[in-house]
């Protein structure tokens, strides 16, 4: 039988212990369940993704990567300067 040591904050450990106890098992059992599921899935047993990004930020990222509208959507130079001074 192997041992696994994991470093985490006291607060996270307490929250995890409380959560798993409410589900009827201890944290060690939850970790074994996670590892078993990961082996069965041949990867993480859940989707890994970024938190949702606001639409405006997604558009800005797209425009930057596509090199579109890099100077902003200004109709005049005065509008651009005013935006920079804000």
C-alpha atoms as a PDB file:
ATOM      1  CA  UNK A   1       0.000   0.000   0.000  1.00  0.00           C
ATOM      2  CA  UNK A   2       1.432   3.382  -1.020  1.00  0.00           C
ATOM      3  CA  UNK A   3       1.051   6.728   0.723  1.00  0.00           C
ATOM      4  CA  UNK A   4       0.364  10.047  -0.991  1.00  0.00           C
ATOM      5  CA  UNK A   5       1.189  13.399   0.593  1.00  0.00           C
ATOM      6  CA  UNK A   6      -0.472  16.566  -0.660  1.00  0.00           C
ATOM      7  CA  UNK A   7       0.203  20.112   0.492  1.00  0.00           C
ATOM      8  CA  UNK A   8      -2.848  22.347   0.863  1.00  0.00           C
ATOM      9  CA  UNK A   9      -4.114  25.077   3.128  1.00  0.00           C
ATOM     10  CA  UNK A  10      -5.738  24.245   6.447  1.00  0.00           C
ATOM     11  CA  UNK A  11      -8.903  25.984   5.255  1.00  0.00           C
ATOM     12  CA  UNK A  12      -9.153  23.888   2.084  1.00  0.00           C
ATOM     13  CA  UNK A  13      -8.564  20.694   4.076  1.00  0.00           C
ATOM     14  CA  UNK A  14     -11.306  21.630   6.551  1.00  0.00           C
ATOM     15  CA  UNK A  15     -13.749  22.497   3.761  1.00  0.00           C
ATOM     16  CA  UNK A  16     -12.976  19.276   1.899  1.00  0.00           C
ATOM     17  CA  UNK A  17     -13.301  17.171   5.069  1.00  0.00           C
ATOM     18  CA  UNK A  18     -16.673  18.782   5.813  1.00  0.00           C
ATOM     19  CA  UNK A  19     -17.929  18.308   2.259  1.00  0.00           C
ATOM     20  CA  UNK A  20     -16.891  14.674   1.994  1.00  0.00           C
ATOM     21  CA  UNK A  21     -18.237  13.862   5.465  1.00  0.00           C
ATOM     22  CA  UNK A  22     -21.602  15.270   4.370  1.00  0.00           C
ATOM     23  CA  UNK A  23     -21.468  12.819   1.451  1.00  0.00           C
ATOM     24  CA  UNK A  24     -20.693   9.925   3.750  1.00  0.00           C
ATOM     25  CA  UNK A  25     -16.968   9.346   3.296  1.00  0.00           C
ATOM     26  CA  UNK A  26     -13.618  10.773   4.337  1.00  0.00           C
ATOM     27  CA  UNK A  27     -11.125  12.776   2.296  1.00  0.00           C
ATOM     28  CA  UNK A  28      -8.822   9.792   1.752  1.00  0.00           C
ATOM     29  CA  UNK A  29     -11.703   7.875   0.181  1.00  0.00           C
ATOM     30  CA  UNK A  30     -12.548  10.880  -2.018  1.00  0.00           C
ATOM     31  CA  UNK A  31      -8.946  11.054  -3.246  1.00  0.00           C
ATOM     32  CA  UNK A  32      -8.959   7.311  -4.019  1.00  0.00           C
ATOM     33  CA  UNK A  33     -12.244   7.779  -5.911  1.00  0.00           C
ATOM     34  CA  UNK A  34     -10.723  10.622  -7.923  1.00  0.00           C
ATOM     35  CA  UNK A  35      -7.591   8.639  -8.793  1.00  0.00           C
ATOM     36  CA  UNK A  36      -9.635   5.564  -9.732  1.00  0.00           C
ATOM     37  CA  UNK A  37     -11.868   7.661 -12.009  1.00  0.00           C
ATOM     38  CA  UNK A  38      -8.821   9.332 -13.601  1.00  0.00           C
ATOM     39  CA  UNK A  39      -7.306   5.945 -14.427  1.00  0.00           C
ATOM     40  CA  UNK A  40     -10.623   4.690 -15.848  1.00  0.00           C
ATOM     41  CA  UNK A  41     -11.047   7.852 -17.983  1.00  0.00           C
ATOM     42  CA  UNK A  42      -7.370   7.772 -18.948  1.00  0.00           C
ATOM     43  CA  UNK A  43      -7.273  11.450 -17.987  1.00  0.00           C
ATOM     44  CA  UNK A  44      -8.981  13.838 -15.652  1.00  0.00           C
ATOM     45  CA  UNK A  45     -12.538  12.734 -14.909  1.00  0.00           C
ATOM     46  CA  UNK A  46     -13.879  16.216 -15.563  1.00  0.00           C
ATOM     47  CA  UNK A  47     -13.479  18.961 -18.126  1.00  0.00           C
ATOM     48  CA  UNK A  48     -10.622  21.392 -17.589  1.00  0.00           C
ATOM     49  CA  UNK A  49     -11.320  24.847 -18.953  1.00  0.00           C
ATOM     50  CA  UNK A  50     -10.969  28.512 -18.203  1.00  0.00           C
ATOM     51  CA  UNK A  51     -13.637  30.339 -16.308  1.00  0.00           C
ATOM     52  CA  UNK A  52     -16.041  32.066 -18.647  1.00  0.00           C
ATOM     53  CA  UNK A  53     -14.651  35.248 -20.129  1.00  0.00           C
ATOM     54  CA  UNK A  54     -16.899  38.284 -20.628  1.00  0.00           C
ATOM     55  CA  UNK A  55     -17.976  38.726 -24.250  1.00  0.00           C
ATOM     56  CA  UNK A  56     -16.272  42.106 -24.525  1.00  0.00           C
ATOM     57  CA  UNK A  57     -12.964  40.594 -23.423  1.00  0.00           C
ATOM     58  CA  UNK A  58     -13.387  37.639 -25.805  1.00  0.00           C
ATOM     59  CA  UNK A  59     -13.939  40.085 -28.662  1.00  0.00           C
ATOM     60  CA  UNK A  60     -10.844  42.092 -27.674  1.00  0.00           C
ATOM     61  CA  UNK A  61      -8.729  38.925 -27.522  1.00  0.00           C
ATOM     62  CA  UNK A  62     -10.023  37.814 -30.932  1.00  0.00           C
ATOM     63  CA  UNK A  63      -9.344  41.231 -32.471  1.00  0.00           C
ATOM     64  CA  UNK A  64      -5.832  41.312 -31.021  1.00  0.00           C
ATOM     65  CA  UNK A  65      -4.982  37.817 -32.236  1.00  0.00           C
ATOM     66  CA  UNK A  66      -6.509  38.560 -35.640  1.00  0.00           C
ATOM     67  CA  UNK A  67      -4.776  41.945 -35.762  1.00  0.00           C
ATOM     68  CA  UNK A  68      -8.146  43.601 -36.342  1.00  0.00           C
ATOM     69  CA  UNK A  69      -9.185  46.959 -34.911  1.00  0.00           C
ATOM     70  CA  UNK A  70      -5.899  47.309 -33.001  1.00  0.00           C
ATOM     71  CA  UNK A  71      -6.341  51.043 -32.609  1.00  0.00           C
ATOM     72  CA  UNK A  72      -9.853  50.905 -31.207  1.00  0.00           C
ATOM     73  CA  UNK A  73     -13.120  51.713 -32.850  1.00  0.00           C
ATOM     74  CA  UNK A  74     -12.677  55.484 -33.067  1.00  0.00           C
ATOM     75  CA  UNK A  75     -14.176  57.655 -35.766  1.00  0.00           C
ATOM     76  CA  UNK A  76     -11.700  60.480 -35.285  1.00  0.00           C
ATOM     77  CA  UNK A  77      -8.236  61.063 -33.882  1.00  0.00           C
ATOM     78  CA  UNK A  78      -9.814  63.277 -31.215  1.00  0.00           C
ATOM     79  CA  UNK A  79     -11.908  60.340 -29.970  1.00  0.00           C
ATOM     80  CA  UNK A  80      -8.784  58.167 -29.751  1.00  0.00           C
ATOM     81  CA  UNK A  81      -6.855  60.813 -27.820  1.00  0.00           C
ATOM     82  CA  UNK A  82      -9.783  61.392 -25.471  1.00  0.00           C
ATOM     83  CA  UNK A  83      -9.964  57.645 -24.785  1.00  0.00           C
ATOM     84  CA  UNK A  84      -6.241  57.549 -23.979  1.00  0.00           C
ATOM     85  CA  UNK A  85      -6.601  60.449 -21.543  1.00  0.00           C
ATOM     86  CA  UNK A  86      -9.456  58.799 -19.616  1.00  0.00           C
END
